[in-house]
Amino acid sequence: MSTSVRYTNTRPAVSTAEAMTLPAGYYTDPEMFQRELRAVHHDMWLSAGRTEQLPEAGSYFLVRFAGVNIIVVRDKNGEIAAFHNTCRHRGTQLCKEQSGKVAGKFVIIREELVGDTALTSRQGIELALGVLSRMATAVLGPNWHPVSVNFSHPAPPDLQVHRRVFHCSVHFDAEFNGIVCHAADLDRPNPNADPAMARYAKQFVESLPGASHTSITHEVRKAIYLMLPMGRANIEQIADGLGMHVRTLQRQLEAADTQFSDLVNEVRRELVVRYMENANYSLATISELLGYSMPSSFTRWFTTQFGAPPQQWRARKMPAGRRARTD
């Protein structure tokens, strides 16, 4: 026996001439898309995968949503959690494989050249990391086993010198400049440690002229560089980190003939060029790393600074064969 159900249309009748749909721009406007994400998708549960994909502690898989790279992982207690697949204060992608298992703990020793003015030097970065690697080898000896050395600039035609100097994997077009090593390597005692010599060296360095003095501009630039990817590069946070009141910081910056907003803008300009030239970064990721909560705000800032939207600028600057993602 079957039962038929008749549904009554309770909507008022509308003629074809009166019928309408959303304006075409609603389907193509990036700003409208971001509003839809905030109003609908960001406030609801989303399906990322299945629990069977995480069979044991340390298992993970990656999923992308609205241009954001998410890592879903099972922790040591068996709980499942999701995080941005980016180290917020280093701007580093944590996992690159689509799925796998996290093995052990790693440390990123990041090295950047930060001064009172903009500094961009491929040779300077490579020299700094070379010296750092040699120092670690001299101090830790056989305990020093770096996993990789990473440079944000493109690779040179010949890598023989780099491999001979670093004795490990060398990656270019990376998300940061620095060395990746096992945390256990840094926990091992220095076999050549001399406490008396260490105290003498500390006293000697502190006695050097200007050793304990750096300009306020330099200190603020360093703090902005660190806190910008975390979305905390505002004057209140920076002043608190430097141990002073906001007004005190403002007065010192005025005495140095600069303003906090100018320093933030300078650091953003330095970083955005590096990020835009890296084909591994989507525009959504770059927007986050520069401290913008909305990609549209990043687009307006970039257009004002460089005279073209980021997509157009990237298309002109990116060499053939190194096309970047725009999602």
Protein backbone atom coordinates (compact mmCIF):
# COMPACT_ATOMS: atom_id res chain seq x y z
CA MET A 1 0.00 0.00 0.00
CA SER A 2 1.41 3.38 -0.96
CA THR A 3 0.53 6.80 0.26
CA SER A 4 0.80 9.91 -1.83
CA VAL A 5 1.42 13.28 -0.24
CA ARG A 6 0.50 16.51 -1.94
CA TYR A 7 2.56 19.56 -1.05
CA THR A 8 0.93 22.95 -1.31
CA ASN A 9 2.95 25.86 -2.62
CA THR A 10 2.44 28.58 -0.04
CA ARG A 11 4.67 31.13 -1.76
CA PRO A 12 2.89 34.06 -3.39
CA ALA A 13 2.60 33.90 -7.14
CA VAL A 14 5.14 36.10 -8.95
CA SER A 15 5.06 36.85 -12.62
CA THR A 16 8.09 36.33 -14.83
CA ALA A 17 8.48 40.08 -15.20
CA GLU A 18 8.62 40.51 -11.42
CA ALA A 19 10.91 37.56 -10.74
CA MET A 20 14.51 38.42 -9.92
CA THR A 21 17.69 36.82 -8.64
CA LEU A 22 20.79 38.14 -6.91
CA PRO A 23 22.87 40.65 -8.87
CA ALA A 24 25.60 39.00 -10.94
CA GLY A 25 28.30 40.72 -8.91
CA TYR A 26 27.30 38.72 -5.82
CA TYR A 27 28.71 35.61 -7.50
CA THR A 28 32.06 37.11 -8.52
CA ASP A 29 32.86 39.88 -6.02
CA PRO A 30 35.76 38.81 -3.70
CA GLU A 31 34.50 41.07 -0.91
CA MET A 32 31.05 39.46 -1.07
CA PHE A 33 32.69 36.04 -0.95
CA GLN A 34 34.58 36.99 2.21
CA ARG A 35 31.35 38.27 3.81
CA GLU A 36 29.66 34.96 2.97
CA LEU A 37 32.55 33.04 4.55
CA ARG A 38 32.33 35.10 7.76
CA ALA A 39 28.53 35.02 8.00
CA VAL A 40 27.95 31.38 7.05
CA HIS A 41 30.93 29.05 6.78
CA HIS A 42 33.05 30.40 9.66
CA ASP A 43 30.18 29.87 12.10
CA MET A 44 29.34 26.25 11.26
CA TRP A 45 30.94 22.83 11.50
CA LEU A 46 32.80 21.69 8.39
CA SER A 47 33.66 18.16 7.32
CA ALA A 48 37.44 17.81 7.11
CA GLY A 49 37.86 14.04 6.88
CA ARG A 50 37.32 10.73 8.67
CA THR A 51 38.74 9.54 11.99
CA GLU A 52 40.16 6.46 10.23
CA GLN A 53 42.64 8.79 8.54
CA LEU A 54 44.28 9.32 11.96
CA PRO A 55 44.99 5.81 13.24
CA GLU A 56 47.58 6.73 15.90
CA ALA A 57 49.16 9.58 17.82
CA GLY A 58 51.11 11.86 15.49
CA SER A 59 49.03 10.99 12.42
CA TYR A 60 47.89 14.00 10.42
CA PHE A 61 46.37 15.08 7.13
CA LEU A 62 45.99 18.45 5.44
CA VAL A 63 42.84 20.13 4.18
CA ARG A 64 42.32 23.52 2.54
CA PHE A 65 39.38 25.81 3.21
CA ALA A 66 38.92 29.26 1.69
CA GLY A 67 42.61 29.45 0.80
CA VAL A 68 43.74 28.50 4.31
CA ASN A 69 45.89 25.41 4.86
CA ILE A 70 44.66 23.38 7.86
CA ILE A 71 46.40 20.47 9.58
CA VAL A 72 44.21 17.89 11.34
CA VAL A 73 46.19 15.78 13.82
CA ARG A 74 45.73 13.18 16.56
CA ASP A 75 47.69 14.19 19.66
CA LYS A 76 49.53 12.01 22.18
CA ASN A 77 46.34 11.67 24.24
CA GLY A 78 44.37 10.37 21.27
CA GLU A 79 42.37 13.58 20.82
CA ILE A 80 41.82 15.05 17.35
CA ALA A 81 42.39 18.76 16.76
CA ALA A 82 42.81 21.13 13.81
CA PHE A 83 45.30 23.98 13.46
CA HIS A 84 46.61 26.39 10.87
CA ASN A 85 49.42 24.61 9.05
CA THR A 86 51.68 27.59 9.67
CA CYS A 87 54.01 28.56 12.47
CA ARG A 88 52.44 31.91 13.34
CA HIS A 89 55.57 33.72 14.52
CA ARG A 90 57.91 32.32 11.86
CA GLY A 91 55.59 32.12 8.86
CA THR A 92 56.73 28.57 8.25
CA GLN A 93 54.64 25.78 6.77
CA LEU A 94 54.70 22.95 9.32
CA CYS A 95 53.79 19.95 7.16
CA LYS A 96 54.17 19.75 3.38
CA GLU A 97 53.04 16.18 2.66
CA GLN A 98 49.28 15.73 2.30
CA SER A 99 49.26 13.16 5.10
CA GLY A 100 51.70 11.30 7.31
CA LYS A 101 53.00 11.04 10.85
CA VAL A 102 54.93 13.59 12.86
CA ALA A 103 58.13 11.98 14.13
CA GLY A 104 60.01 13.62 16.99
CA LYS A 105 60.42 17.29 17.81
CA PHE A 106 62.18 19.76 15.57
CA VAL A 107 63.55 23.23 16.18
CA ILE A 108 63.81 26.05 13.67
CA ILE A 109 66.76 28.35 14.21
CA ARG A 110 65.70 31.36 12.20
CA GLU A 111 68.21 33.94 11.02
CA GLU A 112 67.22 37.30 9.55
CA LEU A 113 69.03 40.54 8.85
CA VAL A 114 67.07 43.28 10.61
CA GLY A 115 68.43 46.80 10.83
CA ASP A 116 67.26 50.37 11.19
CA THR A 117 66.69 50.49 7.44
CA ALA A 118 65.51 47.95 4.90
CA LEU A 119 68.11 45.31 4.17
CA THR A 120 67.78 42.79 1.38
CA SER A 121 70.90 40.77 0.72
CA ARG A 122 71.06 37.23 -0.56
CA GLN A 123 74.79 37.10 0.14
CA GLY A 124 74.30 38.47 3.65
CA ILE A 125 71.70 35.83 4.57
CA GLU A 126 73.85 32.99 3.21
CA LEU A 127 76.91 34.29 5.05
CA ALA A 128 74.96 34.58 8.32
CA LEU A 129 73.64 31.01 8.07
CA GLY A 130 77.06 29.73 7.09
CA VAL A 131 78.62 31.32 10.18
CA LEU A 132 75.79 30.01 12.39
CA SER A 133 76.25 26.48 11.06
CA ARG A 134 80.01 26.59 11.61
CA MET A 135 79.53 27.87 15.17
CA ALA A 136 77.10 25.05 15.95
CA THR A 137 79.57 22.52 14.55
CA ALA A 138 82.39 23.97 16.65
CA VAL A 139 80.30 23.99 19.84
CA LEU A 140 78.37 20.72 19.52
CA GLY A 141 80.82 18.71 17.44
CA PRO A 142 79.44 15.24 16.57
CA ASN A 143 76.15 16.11 18.33
CA TRP A 144 75.24 18.57 15.58
CA HIS A 145 73.08 16.92 12.91
CA PRO A 146 70.97 19.56 11.12
CA VAL A 147 68.00 18.27 9.15
CA SER A 148 68.04 21.06 6.57
CA VAL A 149 69.18 24.58 5.79
CA ASN A 150 66.52 26.82 4.24
CA PHE A 151 66.70 30.00 2.16
CA SER A 152 63.74 32.06 1.02
CA HIS A 153 65.48 33.15 -2.21
CA PRO A 154 65.74 31.03 -5.39
CA ALA A 155 68.48 28.46 -5.86
CA PRO A 156 71.71 29.29 -7.72
CA PRO A 157 72.67 27.26 -10.81
CA ASP A 158 75.27 25.25 -8.86
CA LEU A 159 74.70 23.91 -5.31
CA GLN A 160 78.08 22.24 -4.76
CA VAL A 161 79.39 24.95 -2.41
CA HIS A 162 76.20 24.96 -0.32
CA ARG A 163 76.26 21.17 0.11
CA ARG A 164 79.94 21.22 1.03
CA VAL A 165 79.44 23.92 3.66
CA PHE A 166 76.25 22.65 5.31
CA HIS A 167 76.50 18.84 4.98
CA CYS A 168 72.71 18.42 4.89
CA SER A 169 69.70 19.07 2.68
CA VAL A 170 69.60 22.63 1.37
CA HIS A 171 66.22 24.05 0.35
CA PHE A 172 65.59 27.23 -1.62
CA ASP A 173 62.32 29.12 -2.17
CA ALA A 174 61.59 28.13 1.43
CA GLU A 175 59.21 29.91 3.80
CA PHE A 176 62.03 31.20 6.03
CA ASN A 177 65.79 31.63 6.33
CA GLY A 178 67.18 29.27 8.93
CA ILE A 179 68.27 25.83 10.04
CA VAL A 180 66.01 22.93 11.05
CA CYS A 181 67.46 20.51 13.59
CA HIS A 182 66.33 17.97 16.15
CA ALA A 183 65.47 19.46 19.53
CA ALA A 184 67.46 16.69 21.20
CA ASP A 185 70.64 17.94 19.50
CA LEU A 186 70.39 21.25 21.33
CA ASP A 187 69.63 19.57 24.65
CA ARG A 188 72.91 17.67 24.68
CA PRO A 189 75.69 19.18 26.81
CA ASN A 190 78.58 20.96 25.13
CA PRO A 191 81.55 18.57 25.41
CA ASN A 192 83.97 21.51 25.36
CA ALA A 193 82.12 23.68 27.89
CA ASP A 194 84.28 25.83 30.18
CA PRO A 195 82.20 27.74 32.80
CA ALA A 196 85.08 30.05 33.73
CA MET A 197 85.72 31.00 30.11
CA ALA A 198 81.98 31.51 29.55
CA ARG A 199 81.82 34.06 32.39
CA TYR A 200 84.88 35.86 31.04
CA ALA A 201 83.45 35.98 27.52
CA LYS A 202 80.15 37.38 28.83
CA GLN A 203 81.94 40.13 30.77
CA PHE A 204 84.08 40.97 27.76
CA VAL A 205 81.12 41.30 25.38
CA GLU A 206 79.20 43.46 27.87
CA SER A 207 82.21 45.77 28.22
CA LEU A 208 82.41 46.53 24.50
CA PRO A 209 81.33 50.08 23.49
CA GLY A 210 77.70 50.09 22.48
CA ALA A 211 77.26 46.39 23.27
CA SER A 212 74.22 47.06 25.44
CA HIS A 213 72.80 49.89 23.34
CA THR A 214 70.66 49.57 20.24
CA SER A 215 68.40 52.17 18.72
CA ILE A 216 64.70 52.17 19.54
CA THR A 217 63.97 51.98 15.82
CA HIS A 218 65.96 48.78 15.56
CA GLU A 219 64.26 47.22 18.59
CA VAL A 220 60.78 48.09 17.34
CA ARG A 221 61.52 46.75 13.85
CA LYS A 222 62.68 43.45 15.35
CA ALA A 223 59.53 43.19 17.46
CA ILE A 224 57.29 43.96 14.47
CA TYR A 225 59.14 41.40 12.39
CA LEU A 226 58.42 38.75 15.02
CA MET A 227 54.84 39.63 15.93
CA LEU A 228 53.39 40.59 12.56
CA PRO A 229 52.48 37.01 11.48
CA MET A 230 50.66 36.54 14.80
CA GLY A 231 48.46 39.58 14.18
CA ARG A 232 49.91 41.27 17.28
CA ALA A 233 52.06 43.98 15.71
CA ASN A 234 50.15 46.87 17.29
CA ILE A 235 51.76 49.57 19.37
CA GLU A 236 50.21 48.34 22.63
CA GLN A 237 51.63 44.83 22.22
CA ILE A 238 55.03 46.07 21.04
CA ALA A 239 55.33 48.56 23.91
CA ASP A 240 54.39 45.87 26.43
CA GLY A 241 56.99 43.52 24.95
CA LEU A 242 59.66 46.22 25.25
CA GLY A 243 58.66 46.92 28.86
CA MET A 244 57.44 50.50 28.43
CA HIS A 245 54.24 52.53 28.20
CA VAL A 246 52.75 53.32 24.81
CA ARG A 247 53.31 57.05 25.26
CA THR A 248 56.96 56.46 26.19
CA LEU A 249 57.46 54.42 23.02
CA GLN A 250 55.76 57.12 20.94
CA ARG A 251 58.02 59.82 22.38
CA GLN A 252 61.16 57.79 21.71
CA LEU A 253 60.10 57.10 18.13
CA GLU A 254 59.32 60.79 17.60
CA ALA A 255 62.80 61.63 18.90
CA ALA A 256 64.16 59.18 16.30
CA ASP A 257 62.15 61.05 13.63
CA THR A 258 59.80 58.16 12.84
CA GLN A 259 56.39 56.78 13.74
CA PHE A 260 55.18 53.31 14.65
CA SER A 261 52.87 53.05 11.64
CA ASP A 262 55.78 53.90 9.32
CA LEU A 263 57.88 51.08 10.77
CA VAL A 264 55.02 48.58 10.39
CA ASN A 265 54.62 49.63 6.78
CA GLU A 266 58.35 49.30 6.12
CA VAL A 267 58.48 45.78 7.53
CA ARG A 268 55.40 44.77 5.55
CA ARG A 269 56.96 46.07 2.34
CA GLU A 270 60.14 44.09 3.01
CA LEU A 271 58.30 40.88 3.79
CA VAL A 272 55.66 41.06 1.08
CA VAL A 273 58.22 41.18 -1.73
CA ARG A 274 59.85 38.01 -0.39
CA TYR A 275 56.51 36.28 0.08
CA MET A 276 55.17 37.30 -3.34
CA GLU A 277 58.27 35.95 -5.07
CA ASN A 278 57.80 32.58 -3.39
CA ALA A 279 55.58 30.39 -5.56
CA ASN A 280 54.64 28.25 -2.52
CA TYR A 281 52.63 31.10 -0.94
CA SER A 282 49.02 31.74 -1.88
CA LEU A 283 47.73 35.30 -1.58
CA ALA A 284 45.52 34.23 1.32
CA THR A 285 48.57 32.94 3.19
CA ILE A 286 50.52 36.12 2.47
CA SER A 287 47.63 38.18 3.77
CA GLU A 288 47.68 36.26 7.07
CA LEU A 289 51.46 36.46 7.46
CA LEU A 290 51.33 40.23 7.07
CA GLY A 291 48.77 40.50 9.85
CA TYR A 292 45.64 41.11 7.75
CA SER A 293 42.45 39.38 8.85
CA MET A 294 40.78 40.14 5.51
CA PRO A 295 42.36 39.44 2.08
CA SER A 296 40.52 42.48 0.70
CA SER A 297 42.38 44.74 3.17
CA PHE A 298 45.67 43.24 2.03
CA THR A 299 44.73 43.82 -1.61
CA ARG A 300 43.94 47.50 -0.98
CA TRP A 301 47.20 48.03 0.94
CA PHE A 302 49.27 46.26 -1.71
CA THR A 303 47.69 48.23 -4.55
CA THR A 304 48.41 51.48 -2.73
CA GLN A 305 52.03 50.53 -2.08
CA PHE A 306 52.96 48.96 -5.41
CA GLY A 307 50.51 50.50 -7.89
CA ALA A 308 48.87 47.22 -8.95
CA PRO A 309 46.75 44.46 -7.40
CA PRO A 310 48.81 41.55 -6.04
CA GLN A 311 47.68 39.13 -8.77
CA GLN A 312 48.84 41.47 -11.54
CA TRP A 313 52.10 42.35 -9.78
CA ARG A 314 52.89 38.68 -9.27
CA ALA A 315 52.09 37.79 -12.87
CA ARG A 316 54.56 40.43 -14.08
CA LYS A 317 57.34 39.61 -11.62
CA MET A 318 57.14 35.81 -11.48
CA PRO A 319 59.59 34.19 -13.93
CA ALA A 320 58.28 31.71 -16.46
CA GLY A 321 57.93 28.23 -14.94
CA ARG A 322 57.49 29.53 -11.38
CA ARG A 323 53.78 30.39 -11.49
CA ALA A 324 52.44 30.99 -8.01
CA ARG A 325 49.15 30.03 -6.42
CA THR A 326 46.47 32.70 -6.06
CA ASP A 327 43.85 30.86 -3.99
